[in-house]
Amino acid sequence: MVVSRPSPDSLIVYFAELADDGIGGKISSLNFAGGSYLSSSVTVVDVAGTGASGSEDGSASVTSFVDPHYIIPFPENTDQPEALYISDEFGHAIRKLNLTTLETTTVIGNGTAGARDGTGTDALVAYPAGGEFYRKNLFFINGESDFDTAFQFNRDGTPTIRMYNSMTGAVTTVAGDPGRNGQRDGALRNARFMHPHDLAIDSSLSENLPFIYVFEGCGAVVRSIDLARGEVNTVAGLANTHNDEDGGPSEARFEYLSAGVLENYNGHITIYAVDREGQSIRTIVEDTPMPTRAPTITRAPSRSPVTPLPSSAIRITTIFEELTLSFDADEEQKFRDNYKETLAKAYNIDISQITIIQLERGSVIVSTQIEGSPDTLENVRNTPADVVFSQENGFNTDAYGIPTQQVQNQENGGGSDDDALDPALLAAAIIVPIVVLLLILLGIYYYCLHERKKKKAAEYAGASDINAS
């Protein structure tokens, strides 16, 4: 399920809709009038797919899916994704839906189950499940069927965690032992997973590598993949032990984890996990960096306090997607100086009012705090990044290019404490939509699972009648 806000008055929730008999499906959307979940006017729209089972690429009216399940937005962390990547589970492929043209193309796999690395449709995937983009790389679950999990072996070379480079099309295995399932921690390619369903990414612990959480269904645990250290660990739960208990990492128990969402609020991690069989949404709270984290698992959503801003300040994130710096000390300092001088000139403020909070390498991402008057902050909010970072304002566009986007993260408009937004209300405003979305996802998943079980039961009954005769 993916949320898009093309404008303040527009709210669209994309979701995968299976056919009534559990075979085939399409991508649909809920369009909320007025841009609010509480809107009394909601329209259901068919976005792409005929509803019949198939692997046809093309326009919205001819596209077909075998078993669409997880939907992954690209780029990540945006209010208006450009494309949706769809895990076609029993189609053994990952499809891309362009939200501008509504054209669907197969980008990974060709319908044959497996775990072969390669490029695009030459690579094989099996039962692909949840995933998330980190910059231009899609990390996704190469899953397994319930049959393979039950009998502790895997015929299709899964389950593993894979990575797809959206620029080159290359698919590589990141973690897991192809051909074997289990719940073994250790080195990346020596570790084993048991029926993983979804993953969530924390990008704050390394400047170049994501930290990945994996949610296992039948395995009933949360695992972590530390790419910087090259290891897989169990974060919470006990391997293959099913229950519904809160507590610390060794005391908590899960029934069947099917999805998860991560929030990083100034270094405080909160993970919302859908426990499908436990019929609950669990929170996993971690307040210290790995590997010393000691998470707490509860049912009540929780949020760590946000570091307050000065009385009149705004925080922005500027992304230079095509820029890669070598980041020796001299070059980094030149970039920092030019960046701050450009902002100072563009907004007519003193350079002392600008603080670079974090500069992330790779696709250069700069988190910045700007202090100033209400008029200054209004100017920051309304001036496009390509206007600010121009040669007219002294920015070295020849060396650094132009940022692809600039996002407002947080602000404080000044005034007395009585005028400030209540943190509890702020937390509720953010948490409630997440919980609502997860509940909708849980309901859709239950419905589809029920329909699929009915179909399989009918197939087995028919096969038994034939054998008996």
Foldseek 3Di string as FASTA:
>chain_A
DDWADPDQQWIKDKFWAAALLLFKTAIKIWIAGGNDPPGPDIDIGGLAAPNHHDCDWFARNPGIAGHWHDWEFPPPPDRHGQWIWTQRFQQQFIWIQGNVRRTIDTFDDDSAFAQAWDFGNVGTAHRKAAWYDDQQKIKTWRFADPVCLVVQWGDHFDTFIWIARNVGRTIDTFAAATGGADAAKWARNVGHHHGWHYKEWDCPPALPDIKMWIFHFQQFFIKIQDSVVRIIGTQAADGNDADQDWFKRDPGTAHGWHYKYWDQAPNKIWMWTQRLVVRATKIWTWRDDPPVTITTIDRDDDDDDHDDDPQWKWKKKFWQQPDADPPDPVVVVVQVVLVLQLLCQQLVHDSVQKDFPDWRGDRTMTIMMGGDALVSVVSVVPDFQQVSQDVVSPHPCVRRNTTPGMGTDDTHNHDDPVPDDDVVVVVCVVVVVVVVVVSVSSVSVVSSVVSNVVSVVVVVVVVVVVVVD
